PDB file of N, CA and C in Angstrom:
ATOM      1  N   UNK A   1       9.961   4.191 -13.647  1.00  0.00           N
ATOM      2  CA  UNK A   1       9.845   4.215 -12.207  1.00  0.00           C
ATOM      3  C   UNK A   1      10.505   2.941 -11.673  1.00  0.00           C
ATOM      4  N   UNK A   2      11.383   3.100 -10.675  1.00  0.00           N
ATOM      5  CA  UNK A   2      12.002   1.915 -10.093  1.00  0.00           C
ATOM      6  C   UNK A   2      11.110   1.334  -8.989  1.00  0.00           C
ATOM      7  N   UNK A   3      11.480   0.159  -8.495  1.00  0.00           N
ATOM      8  CA  UNK A   3      10.634  -0.530  -7.522  1.00  0.00           C
ATOM      9  C   UNK A   3      10.493   0.240  -6.216  1.00  0.00           C
ATOM     10  N   UNK A   4      11.548   0.906  -5.783  1.00  0.00           N
ATOM     11  CA  UNK A   4      11.476   1.654  -4.525  1.00  0.00           C
ATOM     12  C   UNK A   4      10.527   2.849  -4.643  1.00  0.00           C
ATOM     13  N   UNK A   5      10.572   3.532  -5.771  1.00  0.00           N
ATOM     14  CA  UNK A   5       9.654   4.649  -6.017  1.00  0.00           C
ATOM     15  C   UNK A   5       8.216   4.137  -6.073  1.00  0.00           C
ATOM     16  N   UNK A   6       8.022   3.022  -6.759  1.00  0.00           N
ATOM     17  CA  UNK A   6       6.686   2.431  -6.862  1.00  0.00           C
ATOM     18  C   UNK A   6       6.161   2.045  -5.485  1.00  0.00           C
ATOM     19  N   UNK A   7       7.022   1.441  -4.673  1.00  0.00           N
ATOM     20  CA  UNK A   7       6.632   1.042  -3.320  1.00  0.00           C
ATOM     21  C   UNK A   7       6.240   2.264  -2.499  1.00  0.00           C
ATOM     22  N   UNK A   8       6.976   3.348  -2.632  1.00  0.00           N
ATOM     23  CA  UNK A   8       6.672   4.581  -1.897  1.00  0.00           C
ATOM     24  C   UNK A   8       5.313   5.154  -2.308  1.00  0.00           C
ATOM     25  N   UNK A   9       4.991   5.103  -3.581  1.00  0.00           N
ATOM     26  CA  UNK A   9       3.696   5.606  -4.067  1.00  0.00           C
ATOM     27  C   UNK A   9       2.550   4.807  -3.451  1.00  0.00           C
ATOM     28  N   UNK A  10       2.678   3.488  -3.474  1.00  0.00           N
ATOM     29  CA  UNK A  10       1.615   2.638  -2.925  1.00  0.00           C
ATOM     30  C   UNK A  10       1.504   2.827  -1.417  1.00  0.00           C
ATOM     31  N   UNK A  11       2.628   2.903  -0.728  1.00  0.00           N
ATOM     32  CA  UNK A  11       2.612   3.078   0.724  1.00  0.00           C
ATOM     33  C   UNK A  11       1.930   4.383   1.116  1.00  0.00           C
ATOM     34  N   UNK A  12       2.237   5.455   0.422  1.00  0.00           N
ATOM     35  CA  UNK A  12       1.583   6.734   0.724  1.00  0.00           C
ATOM     36  C   UNK A  12       0.079   6.654   0.481  1.00  0.00           C
ATOM     37  N   UNK A  13      -0.308   5.960  -0.560  1.00  0.00           N
ATOM     38  CA  UNK A  13      -1.736   5.797  -0.840  1.00  0.00           C
ATOM     39  C   UNK A  13      -2.416   5.009   0.280  1.00  0.00           C
ATOM     40  N   UNK A  14      -1.786   3.932   0.733  1.00  0.00           N
ATOM     41  CA  UNK A  14      -2.355   3.131   1.817  1.00  0.00           C
ATOM     42  C   UNK A  14      -2.512   3.944   3.103  1.00  0.00           C
ATOM     43  N   UNK A  15      -1.566   4.828   3.357  1.00  0.00           N
ATOM     44  CA  UNK A  15      -1.614   5.641   4.578  1.00  0.00           C
ATOM     45  C   UNK A  15      -2.786   6.618   4.574  1.00  0.00           C
ATOM     46  N   UNK A  16      -3.340   6.906   3.416  1.00  0.00           N
ATOM     47  CA  UNK A  16      -4.450   7.854   3.316  1.00  0.00           C
ATOM     48  C   UNK A  16      -5.806   7.231   3.635  1.00  0.00           C
ATOM     49  N   UNK A  17      -5.881   5.894   3.685  1.00  0.00           N
ATOM     50  CA  UNK A  17      -7.148   5.241   4.011  1.00  0.00           C
ATOM     51  C   UNK A  17      -7.554   5.578   5.441  1.00  0.00           C
ATOM     52  N   UNK A  18      -8.839   5.690   5.667  1.00  0.00           N
ATOM     53  CA  UNK A  18      -9.339   6.007   7.006  1.00  0.00           C
ATOM     54  C   UNK A  18      -9.968   4.775   7.646  1.00  0.00           C
ATOM     55  N   UNK A  19      -9.394   3.627   7.359  1.00  0.00           N
ATOM     56  CA  UNK A  19      -9.877   2.369   7.920  1.00  0.00           C
ATOM     57  C   UNK A  19      -8.762   1.774   8.765  1.00  0.00           C
ATOM     58  N   UNK A  20      -9.121   0.994   9.784  1.00  0.00           N
ATOM     59  CA  UNK A  20      -8.083   0.369  10.603  1.00  0.00           C
ATOM     60  C   UNK A  20      -7.306  -0.680   9.810  1.00  0.00           C
ATOM     61  N   UNK A  21      -6.018  -0.746  10.067  1.00  0.00           N
ATOM     62  CA  UNK A  21      -5.062  -1.703   9.519  1.00  0.00           C
ATOM     63  C   UNK A  21      -5.474  -2.565   8.350  1.00  0.00           C
ATOM     64  N   UNK A  22      -5.869  -3.781   8.652  1.00  0.00           N
ATOM     65  CA  UNK A  22      -6.118  -4.770   7.607  1.00  0.00           C
ATOM     66  C   UNK A  22      -7.287  -4.391   6.708  1.00  0.00           C
ATOM     67  N   UNK A  23      -8.213  -3.594   7.223  1.00  0.00           N
ATOM     68  CA  UNK A  23      -9.334  -3.136   6.383  1.00  0.00           C
ATOM     69  C   UNK A  23      -8.818  -2.276   5.233  1.00  0.00           C
ATOM     70  N   UNK A  24      -7.786  -1.490   5.493  1.00  0.00           N
ATOM     71  CA  UNK A  24      -7.189  -0.682   4.431  1.00  0.00           C
ATOM     72  C   UNK A  24      -6.702  -1.569   3.297  1.00  0.00           C
ATOM     73  N   UNK A  25      -6.084  -2.693   3.651  1.00  0.00           N
ATOM     74  CA  UNK A  25      -5.585  -3.612   2.626  1.00  0.00           C
ATOM     75  C   UNK A  25      -6.729  -4.234   1.837  1.00  0.00           C
ATOM     76  N   UNK A  26      -7.795  -4.594   2.519  1.00  0.00           N
ATOM     77  CA  UNK A  26      -8.956  -5.179   1.843  1.00  0.00           C
ATOM     78  C   UNK A  26      -9.513  -4.213   0.808  1.00  0.00           C
ATOM     79  N   UNK A  27      -9.721  -2.952   1.229  1.00  0.00           N
ATOM     80  CA  UNK A  27     -10.264  -1.963   0.300  1.00  0.00           C
ATOM     81  C   UNK A  27      -9.275  -1.648  -0.821  1.00  0.00           C
ATOM     82  N   UNK A  28      -7.989  -1.623  -0.506  1.00  0.00           N
ATOM     83  CA  UNK A  28      -6.980  -1.398  -1.538  1.00  0.00           C
ATOM     84  C   UNK A  28      -7.065  -2.490  -2.608  1.00  0.00           C
ATOM     85  N   UNK A  29      -7.099  -3.751  -2.179  1.00  0.00           N
ATOM     86  CA  UNK A  29      -7.132  -4.849  -3.143  1.00  0.00           C
ATOM     87  C   UNK A  29      -8.446  -4.902  -3.906  1.00  0.00           C
ATOM     88  N   UNK A  30      -9.543  -4.547  -3.253  1.00  0.00           N
ATOM     89  CA  UNK A  30     -10.815  -4.445  -3.979  1.00  0.00           C
ATOM     90  C   UNK A  30     -10.702  -3.411  -5.098  1.00  0.00           C
ATOM     91  N   UNK A  31     -10.138  -2.251  -4.750  1.00  0.00           N
ATOM     92  CA  UNK A  31      -9.977  -1.184  -5.747  1.00  0.00           C
ATOM     93  C   UNK A  31      -8.979  -1.581  -6.835  1.00  0.00           C
ATOM     94  N   UNK A  32      -7.944  -2.328  -6.451  1.00  0.00           N
ATOM     95  CA  UNK A  32      -6.969  -2.794  -7.432  1.00  0.00           C
ATOM     96  C   UNK A  32      -7.624  -3.749  -8.435  1.00  0.00           C
ATOM     97  N   UNK A  33      -8.364  -4.714  -7.915  1.00  0.00           N
ATOM     98  CA  UNK A  33      -8.997  -5.715  -8.786  1.00  0.00           C
ATOM     99  C   UNK A  33      -9.996  -5.088  -9.751  1.00  0.00           C
ATOM    100  N   UNK A  34     -10.665  -4.035  -9.320  1.00  0.00           N
ATOM    101  CA  UNK A  34     -11.684  -3.403 -10.164  1.00  0.00           C
ATOM    102  C   UNK A  34     -11.152  -2.165 -10.886  1.00  0.00           C
ATOM    103  N   UNK A  35      -9.847  -1.928 -10.770  1.00  0.00           N
ATOM    104  CA  UNK A  35      -9.166  -0.802 -11.424  1.00  0.00           C
ATOM    105  C   UNK A  35      -9.739   0.547 -11.026  1.00  0.00           C
ATOM    106  N   UNK A  36     -10.108   0.688  -9.759  1.00  0.00           N
ATOM    107  CA  UNK A  36     -10.604   1.971  -9.256  1.00  0.00           C
ATOM    108  C   UNK A  36      -9.510   2.777  -8.570  1.00  0.00           C
ATOM    109  N   UNK A  37      -8.300   2.276  -8.591  1.00  0.00           N
ATOM    110  CA  UNK A  37      -7.185   3.030  -8.032  1.00  0.00           C
ATOM    111  C   UNK A  37      -6.801   4.146  -8.999  1.00  0.00           C
ATOM    112  N   UNK A  38      -6.223   5.232  -8.485  1.00  0.00           N
ATOM    113  CA  UNK A  38      -5.660   6.229  -9.398  1.00  0.00           C
ATOM    114  C   UNK A  38      -4.629   5.548 -10.313  1.00  0.00           C
ATOM    115  N   UNK A  39      -4.501   6.031 -11.516  1.00  0.00           N
ATOM    116  CA  UNK A  39      -3.618   5.398 -12.504  1.00  0.00           C
ATOM    117  C   UNK A  39      -2.190   5.224 -12.005  1.00  0.00           C
ATOM    118  N   UNK A  40      -1.651   6.250 -11.319  1.00  0.00           N
ATOM    119  CA  UNK A  40      -0.268   6.150 -10.855  1.00  0.00           C
ATOM    120  C   UNK A  40      -0.114   5.081  -9.776  1.00  0.00           C
ATOM    121  N   UNK A  41      -1.104   4.943  -8.905  1.00  0.00           N
ATOM    122  CA  UNK A  41      -1.049   3.936  -7.845  1.00  0.00           C
ATOM    123  C   UNK A  41      -1.203   2.538  -8.446  1.00  0.00           C
ATOM    124  N   UNK A  42      -2.105   2.400  -9.390  1.00  0.00           N
ATOM    125  CA  UNK A  42      -2.305   1.111 -10.063  1.00  0.00           C
ATOM    126  C   UNK A  42      -1.009   0.676 -10.754  1.00  0.00           C
ATOM    127  N   UNK A  43      -0.398   1.579 -11.490  1.00  0.00           N
ATOM    128  CA  UNK A  43       0.847   1.256 -12.198  1.00  0.00           C
ATOM    129  C   UNK A  43       1.965   0.935 -11.214  1.00  0.00           C
ATOM    130  N   UNK A  44       2.023   1.685 -10.124  1.00  0.00           N
ATOM    131  CA  UNK A  44       3.061   1.451  -9.124  1.00  0.00           C
ATOM    132  C   UNK A  44       2.890   0.078  -8.482  1.00  0.00           C
ATOM    133  N   UNK A  45       1.665  -0.283  -8.144  1.00  0.00           N
ATOM    134  CA  UNK A  45       1.462  -1.594  -7.522  1.00  0.00           C
ATOM    135  C   UNK A  45       1.783  -2.724  -8.498  1.00  0.00           C
ATOM    136  N   UNK A  46       1.468  -2.550  -9.762  1.00  0.00           N
ATOM    137  CA  UNK A  46       1.824  -3.565 -10.761  1.00  0.00           C
ATOM    138  C   UNK A  46       3.341  -3.754 -10.803  1.00  0.00           C
ATOM    139  N   UNK A  47       4.063  -2.675 -10.521  1.00  0.00           N
ATOM    140  CA  UNK A  47       5.528  -2.730 -10.532  1.00  0.00           C
ATOM    141  C   UNK A  47       6.073  -3.519  -9.338  1.00  0.00           C
ATOM    142  N   UNK A  48       5.383  -3.492  -8.191  1.00  0.00           N
ATOM    143  CA  UNK A  48       5.901  -4.129  -6.972  1.00  0.00           C
ATOM    144  C   UNK A  48       5.273  -5.498  -6.700  1.00  0.00           C
ATOM    145  N   UNK A  49       4.620  -6.080  -7.693  1.00  0.00           N
ATOM    146  CA  UNK A  49       3.931  -7.346  -7.471  1.00  0.00           C
ATOM    147  C   UNK A  49       4.841  -8.553  -7.273  1.00  0.00           C
ATOM    148  N   UNK A  50       6.141  -8.366  -7.304  1.00  0.00           N
ATOM    149  CA  UNK A  50       7.022  -9.495  -7.012  1.00  0.00           C
ATOM    150  C   UNK A  50       6.921  -9.812  -5.520  1.00  0.00           C
ATOM    151  N   UNK A  51       7.142 -11.032  -5.152  1.00  0.00           N
ATOM    152  CA  UNK A  51       6.978 -11.455  -3.766  1.00  0.00           C
ATOM    153  C   UNK A  51       7.777 -10.654  -2.757  1.00  0.00           C
ATOM    154  N   UNK A  52       9.045 -10.417  -3.029  1.00  0.00           N
ATOM    155  CA  UNK A  52       9.897  -9.742  -2.053  1.00  0.00           C
ATOM    156  C   UNK A  52       9.486  -8.287  -1.851  1.00  0.00           C
ATOM    157  N   UNK A  53       9.306  -7.549  -2.914  1.00  0.00           N
ATOM    158  CA  UNK A  53       8.947  -6.134  -2.801  1.00  0.00           C
ATOM    159  C   UNK A  53       7.552  -5.989  -2.202  1.00  0.00           C
ATOM    160  N   UNK A  54       6.638  -6.844  -2.593  1.00  0.00           N
ATOM    161  CA  UNK A  54       5.284  -6.831  -2.051  1.00  0.00           C
ATOM    162  C   UNK A  54       5.319  -7.051  -0.536  1.00  0.00           C
ATOM    163  N   UNK A  55       6.144  -7.993  -0.090  1.00  0.00           N
ATOM    164  CA  UNK A  55       6.267  -8.258   1.349  1.00  0.00           C
ATOM    165  C   UNK A  55       6.918  -7.086   2.077  1.00  0.00           C
ATOM    166  N   UNK A  56       7.894  -6.456   1.454  1.00  0.00           N
ATOM    167  CA  UNK A  56       8.506  -5.264   2.050  1.00  0.00           C
ATOM    168  C   UNK A  56       7.462  -4.166   2.228  1.00  0.00           C
ATOM    169  N   UNK A  57       6.620  -3.996   1.229  1.00  0.00           N
ATOM    170  CA  UNK A  57       5.559  -2.994   1.290  1.00  0.00           C
ATOM    171  C   UNK A  57       4.622  -3.281   2.460  1.00  0.00           C
ATOM    172  N   UNK A  58       4.197  -4.528   2.602  1.00  0.00           N
ATOM    173  CA  UNK A  58       3.314  -4.899   3.708  1.00  0.00           C
ATOM    174  C   UNK A  58       3.994  -4.676   5.057  1.00  0.00           C
ATOM    175  N   UNK A  59       5.279  -5.016   5.154  1.00  0.00           N
ATOM    176  CA  UNK A  59       6.015  -4.824   6.403  1.00  0.00           C
ATOM    177  C   UNK A  59       6.116  -3.343   6.760  1.00  0.00           C
ATOM    178  N   UNK A  60       6.391  -2.503   5.790  1.00  0.00           N
ATOM    179  CA  UNK A  60       6.494  -1.067   6.049  1.00  0.00           C
ATOM    180  C   UNK A  60       5.145  -0.476   6.432  1.00  0.00           C
ATOM    181  N   UNK A  61       4.072  -0.951   5.803  1.00  0.00           N
ATOM    182  CA  UNK A  61       2.738  -0.480   6.158  1.00  0.00           C
ATOM    183  C   UNK A  61       2.396  -0.908   7.584  1.00  0.00           C
ATOM    184  N   UNK A  62       2.729  -2.143   7.944  1.00  0.00           N
ATOM    185  CA  UNK A  62       2.469  -2.628   9.303  1.00  0.00           C
ATOM    186  C   UNK A  62       3.274  -1.828  10.324  1.00  0.00           C
ATOM    187  N   UNK A  63       4.532  -1.562  10.028  1.00  0.00           N
ATOM    188  CA  UNK A  63       5.377  -0.778  10.936  1.00  0.00           C
ATOM    189  C   UNK A  63       4.798   0.625  11.130  1.00  0.00           C
ATOM    190  N   UNK A  64       4.371   1.250  10.049  1.00  0.00           N
ATOM    191  CA  UNK A  64       3.758   2.574  10.132  1.00  0.00           C
ATOM    192  C   UNK A  64       2.497   2.518  10.995  1.00  0.00           C
ATOM    193  N   UNK A  65       1.662   1.498  10.791  1.00  0.00           N
ATOM    194  CA  UNK A  65       0.433   1.359  11.562  1.00  0.00           C
ATOM    195  C   UNK A  65       0.694   1.170  13.045  1.00  0.00           C
ATOM    196  N   UNK A  66       1.719   0.388  13.376  1.00  0.00           N
ATOM    197  CA  UNK A  66       2.058   0.179  14.782  1.00  0.00           C
ATOM    198  C   UNK A  66       2.542   1.471  15.429  1.00  0.00           C
ATOM    199  N   UNK A  67       3.370   2.224  14.731  1.00  0.00           N
ATOM    200  CA  UNK A  67       3.844   3.507  15.264  1.00  0.00           C
ATOM    201  C   UNK A  67       2.692   4.480  15.431  1.00  0.00           C
ATOM    202  N   UNK A  68       1.807   4.507  14.458  1.00  0.00           N
ATOM    203  CA  UNK A  68       0.642   5.391  14.509  1.00  0.00           C
ATOM    204  C   UNK A  68      -0.258   5.011  15.683  1.00  0.00           C
ATOM    205  N   UNK A  69      -0.463   3.718  15.887  1.00  0.00           N
ATOM    206  CA  UNK A  69      -1.284   3.243  16.990  1.00  0.00           C
ATOM    207  C   UNK A  69      -0.678   3.563  18.339  1.00  0.00           C
ATOM    208  N   UNK A  70       0.647   3.505  18.427  1.00  0.00           N
ATOM    209  CA  UNK A  70       1.330   3.795  19.684  1.00  0.00           C
ATOM    210  C   UNK A  70       1.220   5.265  20.051  1.00  0.00           C
ATOM    211  N   UNK A  71       1.108   6.122  19.043  1.00  0.00           N
ATOM    212  CA  UNK A  71       0.987   7.558  19.299  1.00  0.00           C
ATOM    213  C   UNK A  71      -0.423   7.934  19.714  1.00  0.00           C
ATOM    214  N   UNK A  72      -1.375   7.028  19.446  1.00  0.00           N
ATOM    215  CA  UNK A  72      -2.773   7.286  19.828  1.00  0.00           C
ATOM    216  C   UNK A  72      -3.396   8.197  18.892  1.00  0.00           C
TER     217      UNK A  72
END
């Protein structure tokens, strides 16, 4: 799996949370630390743990959240 595919897997998983913005990240990282993520999501996030790709992932999640919020 390449980094872009891994980033897409994690981003889709984050979009499924039913918590507002930053709370989704908190629960994601809690699940990551305790290995409660689905295996594919856990492996994908391990793949994107470099600073640049990780920041791209956060930026894309924030952009998605802003668009979603604007739509109401």
